[in-house]
Amino acid sequence: MPKITFITPDEERIEIDAPEGLSIMEIAHQNDIDLEGACEGSLACSTCHVIVDQEWFDKLEEASEDEEDMLDLAFGLTRTSRLGCQIIMCPELDGIVVRLPATTRNMMVD
């Protein structure tokens, strides 16, 4: 089974099994990783924003225009930022490393 490493804002590295076909956001939720995902993966927020390690960023499919629009709302945006709900685990991503930003911006709550 592929593995994923989450790096928390406190620099803790958490390596877990990452079932193929699930998004990074879904994997985080199943393993009590603090990645919000307020819209539950419907591409309507930026709360599942992750920063992909440079080594892995170029292996990802291009972000869609809708994902780019949502990323514009993310706090702490970087060149390798992506939405965790849009990255689906596959064998080619075995070992991917993603960093959780220090904070998120949830535009879905008042």
PDB file of N, CA and C in Angstrom:
ATOM      1  N   MET A   1       0.852  -1.177   0.000  1.00  0.00           N
ATOM      2  CA  MET A   1       0.000   0.000   0.000  1.00  0.00           C
ATOM      3  C   MET A   1       0.901   1.244   0.000  1.00  0.00           C
ATOM      4  N   PRO A   2       0.535   2.253  -0.798  1.00  0.00           N
ATOM      5  CA  PRO A   2       1.328   3.496  -0.793  1.00  0.00           C
ATOM      6  C   PRO A   2       1.345   4.149   0.585  1.00  0.00           C
ATOM      7  N   LYS A   3       2.360   4.947   0.813  1.00  0.00           N
ATOM      8  CA  LYS A   3       2.504   5.693   2.068  1.00  0.00           C
ATOM      9  C   LYS A   3       2.450   7.181   1.759  1.00  0.00           C
ATOM     10  N   ILE A   4       2.040   7.949   2.770  1.00  0.00           N
ATOM     11  CA  ILE A   4       2.067   9.407   2.708  1.00  0.00           C
ATOM     12  C   ILE A   4       2.646   9.902   4.022  1.00  0.00           C
ATOM     13  N   THR A   5       3.418  10.980   3.947  1.00  0.00           N
ATOM     14  CA  THR A   5       3.926  11.613   5.152  1.00  0.00           C
ATOM     15  C   THR A   5       3.338  13.012   5.247  1.00  0.00           C
ATOM     16  N   PHE A   6       2.656  13.264   6.360  1.00  0.00           N
ATOM     17  CA  PHE A   6       2.153  14.592   6.674  1.00  0.00           C
ATOM     18  C   PHE A   6       3.151  15.249   7.618  1.00  0.00           C
ATOM     19  N   ILE A   7       3.462  16.509   7.367  1.00  0.00           N
ATOM     20  CA  ILE A   7       4.301  17.278   8.278  1.00  0.00           C
ATOM     21  C   ILE A   7       3.413  18.347   8.893  1.00  0.00           C
ATOM     22  N   THR A   8       3.270  18.303  10.209  1.00  0.00           N
ATOM     23  CA  THR A   8       2.388  19.233  10.907  1.00  0.00           C
ATOM     24  C   THR A   8       3.069  20.599  11.049  1.00  0.00           C
ATOM     25  N   PRO A   9       2.303  21.624  11.410  1.00  0.00           N
ATOM     26  CA  PRO A   9       2.914  22.941  11.647  1.00  0.00           C
ATOM     27  C   PRO A   9       4.002  22.912  12.729  1.00  0.00           C
ATOM     28  N   ASP A  10       3.949  21.908  13.617  1.00  0.00           N
ATOM     29  CA  ASP A  10       4.962  21.745  14.671  1.00  0.00           C
ATOM     30  C   ASP A  10       6.145  20.904  14.216  1.00  0.00           C
ATOM     31  N   GLU A  11       6.204  20.611  12.896  1.00  0.00           N
ATOM     32  CA  GLU A  11       7.281  19.823  12.290  1.00  0.00           C
ATOM     33  C   GLU A  11       7.257  18.345  12.659  1.00  0.00           C
ATOM     34  N   GLU A  12       6.137  17.855  13.196  1.00  0.00           N
ATOM     35  CA  GLU A  12       5.993  16.425  13.446  1.00  0.00           C
ATOM     36  C   GLU A  12       5.734  15.726  12.113  1.00  0.00           C
ATOM     37  N   ARG A  13       6.438  14.644  11.865  1.00  0.00           N
ATOM     38  CA  ARG A  13       6.262  13.849  10.643  1.00  0.00           C
ATOM     39  C   ARG A  13       5.401  12.641  10.982  1.00  0.00           C
ATOM     40  N   ILE A  14       4.293  12.498  10.252  1.00  0.00           N
ATOM     41  CA  ILE A  14       3.369  11.397  10.489  1.00  0.00           C
ATOM     42  C   ILE A  14       3.256  10.605   9.190  1.00  0.00           C
ATOM     43  N   GLU A  15       3.809   9.388   9.190  1.00  0.00           N
ATOM     44  CA  GLU A  15       3.742   8.525   8.005  1.00  0.00           C
ATOM     45  C   GLU A  15       2.633   7.516   8.193  1.00  0.00           C
ATOM     46  N   ILE A  16       1.750   7.432   7.199  1.00  0.00           N
ATOM     47  CA  ILE A  16       0.624   6.512   7.298  1.00  0.00           C
ATOM     48  C   ILE A  16       0.388   5.825   5.955  1.00  0.00           C
ATOM     49  N   ASP A  17      -0.342   4.705   6.007  1.00  0.00           N
ATOM     50  CA  ASP A  17      -0.758   4.023   4.784  1.00  0.00           C
ATOM     51  C   ASP A  17      -1.781   4.892   4.068  1.00  0.00           C
ATOM     52  N   ALA A  18      -1.685   4.924   2.744  1.00  0.00           N
ATOM     53  CA  ALA A  18      -2.546   5.772   1.928  1.00  0.00           C
ATOM     54  C   ALA A  18      -3.230   4.925   0.871  1.00  0.00           C
ATOM     55  N   PRO A  19      -4.434   4.443   1.151  1.00  0.00           N
ATOM     56  CA  PRO A  19      -5.119   3.577   0.192  1.00  0.00           C
ATOM     57  C   PRO A  19      -5.302   4.247  -1.177  1.00  0.00           C
ATOM     58  N   GLU A  20      -5.014   3.499  -2.210  1.00  0.00           N
ATOM     59  CA  GLU A  20      -5.192   4.014  -3.572  1.00  0.00           C
ATOM     60  C   GLU A  20      -6.648   4.391  -3.799  1.00  0.00           C
ATOM     61  N   GLY A  21      -6.862   5.457  -4.548  1.00  0.00           N
ATOM     62  CA  GLY A  21      -8.208   5.893  -4.896  1.00  0.00           C
ATOM     63  C   GLY A  21      -8.814   6.885  -3.927  1.00  0.00           C
ATOM     64  N   LEU A  22      -8.182   7.071  -2.765  1.00  0.00           N
ATOM     65  CA  LEU A  22      -8.672   8.064  -1.809  1.00  0.00           C
ATOM     66  C   LEU A  22      -7.873   9.357  -1.969  1.00  0.00           C
ATOM     67  N   SER A  23      -8.525  10.471  -1.649  1.00  0.00           N
ATOM     68  CA  SER A  23      -7.820  11.753  -1.702  1.00  0.00           C
ATOM     69  C   SER A  23      -6.978  11.927  -0.446  1.00  0.00           C
ATOM     70  N   ILE A  24      -6.028  12.833  -0.522  1.00  0.00           N
ATOM     71  CA  ILE A  24      -5.208  13.155   0.650  1.00  0.00           C
ATOM     72  C   ILE A  24      -6.092  13.647   1.786  1.00  0.00           C
ATOM     73  N   MET A  25      -7.121  14.423   1.452  1.00  0.00           N
ATOM     74  CA  MET A  25      -8.043  14.909   2.480  1.00  0.00           C
ATOM     75  C   MET A  25      -8.754  13.731   3.165  1.00  0.00           C
ATOM     76  N   GLU A  26      -9.251  12.780   2.388  1.00  0.00           N
ATOM     77  CA  GLU A  26      -9.949  11.625   2.964  1.00  0.00           C
ATOM     78  C   GLU A  26      -9.008  10.801   3.845  1.00  0.00           C
ATOM     79  N   ILE A  27      -7.784  10.623   3.391  1.00  0.00           N
ATOM     80  CA  ILE A  27      -6.797   9.866   4.170  1.00  0.00           C
ATOM     81  C   ILE A  27      -6.507  10.585   5.480  1.00  0.00           C
ATOM     82  N   ALA A  28      -6.371  11.899   5.418  1.00  0.00           N
ATOM     83  CA  ALA A  28      -6.137  12.680   6.639  1.00  0.00           C
ATOM     84  C   ALA A  28      -7.290  12.504   7.620  1.00  0.00           C
ATOM     85  N   HIS A  29      -8.518  12.600   7.135  1.00  0.00           N
ATOM     86  CA  HIS A  29      -9.688  12.459   8.011  1.00  0.00           C
ATOM     87  C   HIS A  29      -9.752  11.076   8.638  1.00  0.00           C
ATOM     88  N   GLN A  30      -9.450  10.032   7.872  1.00  0.00           N
ATOM     89  CA  GLN A  30      -9.497   8.662   8.395  1.00  0.00           C
ATOM     90  C   GLN A  30      -8.443   8.413   9.466  1.00  0.00           C
ATOM     91  N   ASN A  31      -7.400   9.251   9.476  1.00  0.00           N
ATOM     92  CA  ASN A  31      -6.284   9.036  10.409  1.00  0.00           C
ATOM     93  C   ASN A  31      -6.133  10.156  11.423  1.00  0.00           C
ATOM     94  N   ASP A  32      -7.197  10.932  11.621  1.00  0.00           N
ATOM     95  CA  ASP A  32      -7.224  12.019  12.613  1.00  0.00           C
ATOM     96  C   ASP A  32      -6.099  13.030  12.422  1.00  0.00           C
ATOM     97  N   ILE A  33      -5.755  13.287  11.154  1.00  0.00           N
ATOM     98  CA  ILE A  33      -4.798  14.338  10.820  1.00  0.00           C
ATOM     99  C   ILE A  33      -5.595  15.636  10.718  1.00  0.00           C
ATOM    100  N   ASP A  34      -5.083  16.705  11.280  1.00  0.00           N
ATOM    101  CA  ASP A  34      -5.812  17.968  11.369  1.00  0.00           C
ATOM    102  C   ASP A  34      -5.807  18.722  10.035  1.00  0.00           C
ATOM    103  N   LEU A  35      -6.639  18.242   9.109  1.00  0.00           N
ATOM    104  CA  LEU A  35      -6.828  18.871   7.799  1.00  0.00           C
ATOM    105  C   LEU A  35      -8.330  19.045   7.633  1.00  0.00           C
ATOM    106  N   GLU A  36      -8.796  20.296   7.643  1.00  0.00           N
ATOM    107  CA  GLU A  36     -10.232  20.562   7.793  1.00  0.00           C
ATOM    108  C   GLU A  36     -11.111  19.980   6.688  1.00  0.00           C
ATOM    109  N   GLY A  37     -11.096  20.528   5.503  1.00  0.00           N
ATOM    110  CA  GLY A  37     -11.972  20.053   4.434  1.00  0.00           C
ATOM    111  C   GLY A  37     -13.427  20.414   4.674  1.00  0.00           C
ATOM    112  N   ALA A  38     -13.713  21.692   4.918  1.00  0.00           N
ATOM    113  CA  ALA A  38     -15.065  22.151   5.275  1.00  0.00           C
ATOM    114  C   ALA A  38     -16.114  21.799   4.230  1.00  0.00           C
ATOM    115  N   CYS A  39     -15.753  21.796   2.958  1.00  0.00           N
ATOM    116  CA  CYS A  39     -16.737  21.518   1.902  1.00  0.00           C
ATOM    117  C   CYS A  39     -16.801  20.034   1.563  1.00  0.00           C
ATOM    118  N   GLU A  40     -16.066  19.218   2.313  1.00  0.00           N
ATOM    119  CA  GLU A  40     -16.050  17.761   2.151  1.00  0.00           C
ATOM    120  C   GLU A  40     -15.608  17.311   0.761  1.00  0.00           C
ATOM    121  N   GLY A  41     -14.722  18.094   0.151  1.00  0.00           N
ATOM    122  CA  GLY A  41     -14.159  17.691  -1.130  1.00  0.00           C
ATOM    123  C   GLY A  41     -14.953  18.122  -2.341  1.00  0.00           C
ATOM    124  N   SER A  42     -15.874  19.057  -2.187  1.00  0.00           N
ATOM    125  CA  SER A  42     -16.694  19.487  -3.323  1.00  0.00           C
ATOM    126  C   SER A  42     -16.074  20.655  -4.087  1.00  0.00           C
ATOM    127  N   LEU A  43     -14.850  20.997  -3.771  1.00  0.00           N
ATOM    128  CA  LEU A  43     -14.106  22.058  -4.455  1.00  0.00           C
ATOM    129  C   LEU A  43     -14.788  23.413  -4.282  1.00  0.00           C
ATOM    130  N   ALA A  44     -15.271  23.659  -3.044  1.00  0.00           N
ATOM    131  CA  ALA A  44     -15.960  24.913  -2.742  1.00  0.00           C
ATOM    132  C   ALA A  44     -15.275  25.696  -1.636  1.00  0.00           C
ATOM    133  N   CYS A  45     -14.077  25.263  -1.212  1.00  0.00           N
ATOM    134  CA  CYS A  45     -13.341  25.993  -0.178  1.00  0.00           C
ATOM    135  C   CYS A  45     -11.852  25.690  -0.347  1.00  0.00           C
ATOM    136  N   SER A  46     -11.043  26.240   0.522  1.00  0.00           N
ATOM    137  CA  SER A  46      -9.599  25.991   0.449  1.00  0.00           C
ATOM    138  C   SER A  46      -9.055  25.430   1.761  1.00  0.00           C
ATOM    139  N   THR A  47      -9.937  24.889   2.610  1.00  0.00           N
ATOM    140  CA  THR A  47      -9.506  24.456   3.938  1.00  0.00           C
ATOM    141  C   THR A  47      -8.724  23.153   3.958  1.00  0.00           C
ATOM    142  N   CYS A  48      -8.644  22.461   2.827  1.00  0.00           N
ATOM    143  CA  CYS A  48      -7.806  21.245   2.766  1.00  0.00           C
ATOM    144  C   CYS A  48      -6.487  21.553   2.047  1.00  0.00           C
ATOM    145  N   HIS A  49      -6.114  22.823   2.042  1.00  0.00           N
ATOM    146  CA  HIS A  49      -4.865  23.284   1.432  1.00  0.00           C
ATOM    147  C   HIS A  49      -3.674  22.555   2.068  1.00  0.00           C
ATOM    148  N   VAL A  50      -2.832  21.985   1.229  1.00  0.00           N
ATOM    149  CA  VAL A  50      -1.579  21.374   1.673  1.00  0.00           C
ATOM    150  C   VAL A  50      -0.452  21.921   0.804  1.00  0.00           C
ATOM    151  N   ILE A  51       0.741  21.854   1.326  1.00  0.00           N
ATOM    152  CA  ILE A  51       1.928  22.270   0.582  1.00  0.00           C
ATOM    153  C   ILE A  51       2.705  21.001   0.252  1.00  0.00           C
ATOM    154  N   VAL A  52       2.761  20.700  -1.027  1.00  0.00           N
ATOM    155  CA  VAL A  52       3.377  19.465  -1.493  1.00  0.00           C
ATOM    156  C   VAL A  52       4.889  19.656  -1.575  1.00  0.00           C
ATOM    157  N   ASP A  53       5.626  18.679  -1.070  1.00  0.00           N
ATOM    158  CA  ASP A  53       7.082  18.707  -1.160  1.00  0.00           C
ATOM    159  C   ASP A  53       7.485  18.845  -2.630  1.00  0.00           C
ATOM    160  N   GLN A  54       8.461  19.697  -2.898  1.00  0.00           N
ATOM    161  CA  GLN A  54       8.872  19.995  -4.272  1.00  0.00           C
ATOM    162  C   GLN A  54       9.153  18.736  -5.087  1.00  0.00           C
ATOM    163  N   GLU A  55       9.777  17.756  -4.471  1.00  0.00           N
ATOM    164  CA  GLU A  55      10.111  16.502  -5.161  1.00  0.00           C
ATOM    165  C   GLU A  55       8.868  15.827  -5.743  1.00  0.00           C
ATOM    166  N   TRP A  56       7.729  15.996  -5.093  1.00  0.00           N
ATOM    167  CA  TRP A  56       6.494  15.331  -5.496  1.00  0.00           C
ATOM    168  C   TRP A  56       5.581  16.216  -6.327  1.00  0.00           C
ATOM    169  N   PHE A  57       5.733  17.512  -6.212  1.00  0.00           N
ATOM    170  CA  PHE A  57       4.816  18.440  -6.875  1.00  0.00           C
ATOM    171  C   PHE A  57       4.748  18.212  -8.384  1.00  0.00           C
ATOM    172  N   ASP A  58       5.893  18.012  -9.013  1.00  0.00           N
ATOM    173  CA  ASP A  58       5.921  17.849 -10.463  1.00  0.00           C
ATOM    174  C   ASP A  58       5.352  16.511 -10.930  1.00  0.00           C
ATOM    175  N   LYS A  59       5.118  15.586 -10.005  1.00  0.00           N
ATOM    176  CA  LYS A  59       4.544  14.290 -10.358  1.00  0.00           C
ATOM    177  C   LYS A  59       3.009  14.327 -10.360  1.00  0.00           C
ATOM    178  N   LEU A  60       2.447  15.429  -9.872  1.00  0.00           N
ATOM    179  CA  LEU A  60       0.992  15.555  -9.793  1.00  0.00           C
ATOM    180  C   LEU A  60       0.412  16.008 -11.120  1.00  0.00           C
ATOM    181  N   GLU A  61      -0.842  15.654 -11.344  1.00  0.00           N
ATOM    182  CA  GLU A  61      -1.569  16.195 -12.490  1.00  0.00           C
ATOM    183  C   GLU A  61      -1.703  17.701 -12.282  1.00  0.00           C
ATOM    184  N   GLU A  62      -1.835  18.435 -13.374  1.00  0.00           N
ATOM    185  CA  GLU A  62      -2.035  19.882 -13.285  1.00  0.00           C
ATOM    186  C   GLU A  62      -3.317  20.183 -12.506  1.00  0.00           C
ATOM    187  N   ALA A  63      -3.290  21.268 -11.738  1.00  0.00           N
ATOM    188  CA  ALA A  63      -4.497  21.702 -11.034  1.00  0.00           C
ATOM    189  C   ALA A  63      -5.507  22.236 -12.042  1.00  0.00           C
ATOM    190  N   SER A  64      -6.777  21.958 -11.794  1.00  0.00           N
ATOM    191  CA  SER A  64      -7.834  22.482 -12.664  1.00  0.00           C
ATOM    192  C   SER A  64      -8.004  23.977 -12.400  1.00  0.00           C
ATOM    193  N   GLU A  65      -8.695  24.638 -13.287  1.00  0.00           N
ATOM    194  CA  GLU A  65      -8.967  26.065 -13.100  1.00  0.00           C
ATOM    195  C   GLU A  65      -9.786  26.299 -11.826  1.00  0.00           C
ATOM    196  N   ASP A  66     -10.742  25.400 -11.548  1.00  0.00           N
ATOM    197  CA  ASP A  66     -11.538  25.524 -10.326  1.00  0.00           C
ATOM    198  C   ASP A  66     -10.668  25.386  -9.077  1.00  0.00           C
ATOM    199  N   GLU A  67      -9.725  24.451  -9.112  1.00  0.00           N
ATOM    200  CA  GLU A  67      -8.822  24.300  -7.965  1.00  0.00           C
ATOM    201  C   GLU A  67      -7.952  25.539  -7.811  1.00  0.00           C
ATOM    202  N   GLU A  68      -7.441  26.060  -8.910  1.00  0.00           N
ATOM    203  CA  GLU A  68      -6.628  27.284  -8.856  1.00  0.00           C
ATOM    204  C   GLU A  68      -7.412  28.431  -8.232  1.00  0.00           C
ATOM    205  N   ASP A  69      -8.697  28.550  -8.608  1.00  0.00           N
ATOM    206  CA  ASP A  69      -9.539  29.611  -8.049  1.00  0.00           C
ATOM    207  C   ASP A  69      -9.681  29.469  -6.540  1.00  0.00           C
ATOM    208  N   MET A  70      -9.876  28.249  -6.058  1.00  0.00           N
ATOM    209  CA  MET A  70     -10.007  28.023  -4.620  1.00  0.00           C
ATOM    210  C   MET A  70      -8.674  28.242  -3.908  1.00  0.00           C
ATOM    211  N   LEU A  71      -7.573  27.851  -4.545  1.00  0.00           N
ATOM    212  CA  LEU A  71      -6.256  28.050  -3.936  1.00  0.00           C
ATOM    213  C   LEU A  71      -5.965  29.528  -3.731  1.00  0.00           C
ATOM    214  N   ASP A  72      -6.504  30.387  -4.602  1.00  0.00           N
ATOM    215  CA  ASP A  72      -6.304  31.829  -4.440  1.00  0.00           C
ATOM    216  C   ASP A  72      -6.825  32.325  -3.092  1.00  0.00           C
ATOM    217  N   LEU A  73      -7.729  31.575  -2.466  1.00  0.00           N
ATOM    218  CA  LEU A  73      -8.307  31.956  -1.180  1.00  0.00           C
ATOM    219  C   LEU A  73      -7.544  31.366   0.005  1.00  0.00           C
ATOM    220  N   ALA A  74      -6.588  30.493  -0.270  1.00  0.00           N
ATOM    221  CA  ALA A  74      -5.875  29.793   0.802  1.00  0.00           C
ATOM    222  C   ALA A  74      -4.896  30.712   1.525  1.00  0.00           C
ATOM    223  N   PHE A  75      -4.792  30.488   2.823  1.00  0.00           N
ATOM    224  CA  PHE A  75      -3.822  31.212   3.644  1.00  0.00           C
ATOM    225  C   PHE A  75      -2.447  30.580   3.455  1.00  0.00           C
ATOM    226  N   GLY A  76      -1.408  31.387   3.283  1.00  0.00           N
ATOM    227  CA  GLY A  76      -0.053  30.859   3.180  1.00  0.00           C
ATOM    228  C   GLY A  76       0.239  30.145   1.884  1.00  0.00           C
ATOM    229  N   LEU A  77      -0.374  30.592   0.798  1.00  0.00           N
ATOM    230  CA  LEU A  77      -0.212  29.964  -0.504  1.00  0.00           C
ATOM    231  C   LEU A  77       1.263  29.949  -0.934  1.00  0.00           C
ATOM    232  N   THR A  78       1.699  28.825  -1.499  1.00  0.00           N
ATOM    233  CA  THR A  78       3.053  28.697  -2.025  1.00  0.00           C
ATOM    234  C   THR A  78       2.982  28.172  -3.459  1.00  0.00           C
ATOM    235  N   ARG A  79       4.116  28.108  -4.117  1.00  0.00           N
ATOM    236  CA  ARG A  79       4.160  27.604  -5.489  1.00  0.00           C
ATOM    237  C   ARG A  79       3.746  26.135  -5.573  1.00  0.00           C
ATOM    238  N   THR A  80       3.944  25.387  -4.494  1.00  0.00           N
ATOM    239  CA  THR A  80       3.603  23.962  -4.511  1.00  0.00           C
ATOM    240  C   THR A  80       2.325  23.672  -3.714  1.00  0.00           C
ATOM    241  N   SER A  81       1.488  24.675  -3.517  1.00  0.00           N
ATOM    242  CA  SER A  81       0.219  24.480  -2.822  1.00  0.00           C
ATOM    243  C   SER A  81      -0.773  23.743  -3.710  1.00  0.00           C
ATOM    244  N   ARG A  82      -1.530  22.862  -3.094  1.00  0.00           N
ATOM    245  CA  ARG A  82      -2.620  22.148  -3.769  1.00  0.00           C
ATOM    246  C   ARG A  82      -3.725  21.926  -2.751  1.00  0.00           C
ATOM    247  N   LEU A  83      -4.898  21.531  -3.235  1.00  0.00           N
ATOM    248  CA  LEU A  83      -5.991  21.146  -2.354  1.00  0.00           C
ATOM    249  C   LEU A  83      -5.921  19.640  -2.148  1.00  0.00           C
ATOM    250  N   GLY A  84      -5.934  19.230  -0.890  1.00  0.00           N
ATOM    251  CA  GLY A  84      -5.832  17.810  -0.572  1.00  0.00           C
ATOM    252  C   GLY A  84      -6.960  16.977  -1.151  1.00  0.00           C
ATOM    253  N   CYS A  85      -8.117  17.593  -1.376  1.00  0.00           N
ATOM    254  CA  CYS A  85      -9.247  16.841  -1.943  1.00  0.00           C
ATOM    255  C   CYS A  85      -9.045  16.528  -3.418  1.00  0.00           C
ATOM    256  N   GLN A  86      -8.088  17.173  -4.051  1.00  0.00           N
ATOM    257  CA  GLN A  86      -7.879  16.995  -5.485  1.00  0.00           C
ATOM    258  C   GLN A  86      -6.696  16.088  -5.815  1.00  0.00           C
ATOM    259  N   ILE A  87      -5.971  15.637  -4.800  1.00  0.00           N
ATOM    260  CA  ILE A  87      -4.845  14.731  -5.015  1.00  0.00           C
ATOM    261  C   ILE A  87      -5.296  13.327  -4.628  1.00  0.00           C
ATOM    262  N   ILE A  88      -5.406  12.467  -5.623  1.00  0.00           N
ATOM    263  CA  ILE A  88      -5.883  11.090  -5.406  1.00  0.00           C
ATOM    264  C   ILE A  88      -4.668  10.161  -5.374  1.00  0.00           C
ATOM    265  N   MET A  89      -4.592   9.364  -4.323  1.00  0.00           N
ATOM    266  CA  MET A  89      -3.453   8.468  -4.164  1.00  0.00           C
ATOM    267  C   MET A  89      -3.442   7.379  -5.234  1.00  0.00           C
ATOM    268  N   CYS A  90      -2.235   7.132  -5.738  1.00  0.00           N
ATOM    269  CA  CYS A  90      -1.989   6.099  -6.733  1.00  0.00           C
ATOM    270  C   CYS A  90      -0.569   5.580  -6.481  1.00  0.00           C
ATOM    271  N   PRO A  91      -0.181   4.469  -7.083  1.00  0.00           N
ATOM    272  CA  PRO A  91       1.149   3.909  -6.834  1.00  0.00           C
ATOM    273  C   PRO A  91       2.280   4.896  -7.122  1.00  0.00           C
ATOM    274  N   GLU A  92       2.100   5.761  -8.112  1.00  0.00           N
ATOM    275  CA  GLU A  92       3.153   6.725  -8.461  1.00  0.00           C
ATOM    276  C   GLU A  92       3.409   7.743  -7.354  1.00  0.00           C
ATOM    277  N   LEU A  93       2.450   7.905  -6.439  1.00  0.00           N
ATOM    278  CA  LEU A  93       2.607   8.877  -5.350  1.00  0.00           C
ATOM    279  C   LEU A  93       3.045   8.226  -4.042  1.00  0.00           C
ATOM    280  N   ASP A  94       3.451   6.955  -4.095  1.00  0.00           N
ATOM    281  CA  ASP A  94       3.922   6.262  -2.894  1.00  0.00           C
ATOM    282  C   ASP A  94       5.106   7.022  -2.299  1.00  0.00           C
ATOM    283  N   GLY A  95       4.934   7.484  -1.066  1.00  0.00           N
ATOM    284  CA  GLY A  95       5.985   8.217  -0.372  1.00  0.00           C
ATOM    285  C   GLY A  95       5.806   9.726  -0.396  1.00  0.00           C
ATOM    286  N   ILE A  96       4.726  10.225  -1.005  1.00  0.00           N
ATOM    287  CA  ILE A  96       4.509  11.668  -1.106  1.00  0.00           C
ATOM    288  C   ILE A  96       4.572  12.324   0.272  1.00  0.00           C
ATOM    289  N   VAL A  97       5.101  13.530   0.299  1.00  0.00           N
ATOM    290  CA  VAL A  97       5.234  14.303   1.532  1.00  0.00           C
ATOM    291  C   VAL A  97       4.459  15.605   1.355  1.00  0.00           C
ATOM    292  N   VAL A  98       3.546  15.880   2.296  1.00  0.00           N
ATOM    293  CA  VAL A  98       2.788  17.124   2.271  1.00  0.00           C
ATOM    294  C   VAL A  98       2.869  17.799   3.632  1.00  0.00           C
ATOM    295  N   ARG A  99       2.941  19.108   3.584  1.00  0.00           N
ATOM    296  CA  ARG A  99       3.019  19.924   4.802  1.00  0.00           C
ATOM    297  C   ARG A  99       1.655  20.558   5.045  1.00  0.00           C
ATOM    298  N   LEU A 100       1.222  20.527   6.301  1.00  0.00           N
ATOM    299  CA  LEU A 100      -0.021  21.189   6.677  1.00  0.00           C
ATOM    300  C   LEU A 100       0.288  22.639   7.024  1.00  0.00           C
ATOM    301  N   PRO A 101      -0.443  23.594   6.443  1.00  0.00           N
ATOM    302  CA  PRO A 101      -0.177  24.998   6.759  1.00  0.00           C
ATOM    303  C   PRO A 101      -0.511  25.306   8.218  1.00  0.00           C
ATOM    304  N   ALA A 102       0.061  26.383   8.724  1.00  0.00           N
ATOM    305  CA  ALA A 102      -0.128  26.755  10.127  1.00  0.00           C
ATOM    306  C   ALA A 102      -1.577  27.112  10.431  1.00  0.00           C
ATOM    307  N   THR A 103      -2.302  27.601   9.430  1.00  0.00           N
ATOM    308  CA  THR A 103      -3.700  27.982   9.627  1.00  0.00           C
ATOM    309  C   THR A 103      -4.444  27.853   8.309  1.00  0.00           C
ATOM    310  N   THR A 104      -5.770  27.872   8.384  1.00  0.00           N
ATOM    311  CA  THR A 104      -6.587  27.845   7.176  1.00  0.00           C
ATOM    312  C   THR A 104      -7.554  29.011   7.210  1.00  0.00           C
ATOM    313  N   ARG A 105      -8.120  29.306   6.067  1.00  0.00           N
ATOM    314  CA  ARG A 105      -9.109  30.354   5.959  1.00  0.00           C
ATOM    315  C   ARG A 105     -10.398  29.707   5.484  1.00  0.00           C
ATOM    316  N   ASN A 106     -11.397  29.655   6.378  1.00  0.00           N
ATOM    317  CA  ASN A 106     -12.664  29.011   6.049  1.00  0.00           C
ATOM    318  C   ASN A 106     -13.682  30.075   5.668  1.00  0.00           C
ATOM    319  N   MET A 107     -13.960  30.201   4.369  1.00  0.00           N
ATOM    320  CA  MET A 107     -14.916  31.181   3.883  1.00  0.00           C
ATOM    321  C   MET A 107     -16.349  30.680   3.945  1.00  0.00           C
ATOM    322  N   MET A 108     -16.534  29.445   4.406  1.00  0.00           N
ATOM    323  CA  MET A 108     -17.873  28.849   4.424  1.00  0.00           C
ATOM    324  C   MET A 108     -18.621  29.150   5.717  1.00  0.00           C
ATOM    325  N   VAL A 109     -17.958  29.712   6.718  1.00  0.00           N
ATOM    326  CA  VAL A 109     -18.623  30.040   7.979  1.00  0.00           C
ATOM    327  C   VAL A 109     -18.696  31.545   8.129  1.00  0.00           C
ATOM    328  N   ASP A 110     -19.698  31.988   8.850  1.00  0.00           N
ATOM    329  CA  ASP A 110     -19.866  33.422   9.077  1.00  0.00           C
ATOM    330  C   ASP A 110     -19.016  33.901  10.220  1.00  0.00           C
TER     331      ASP A 110
END
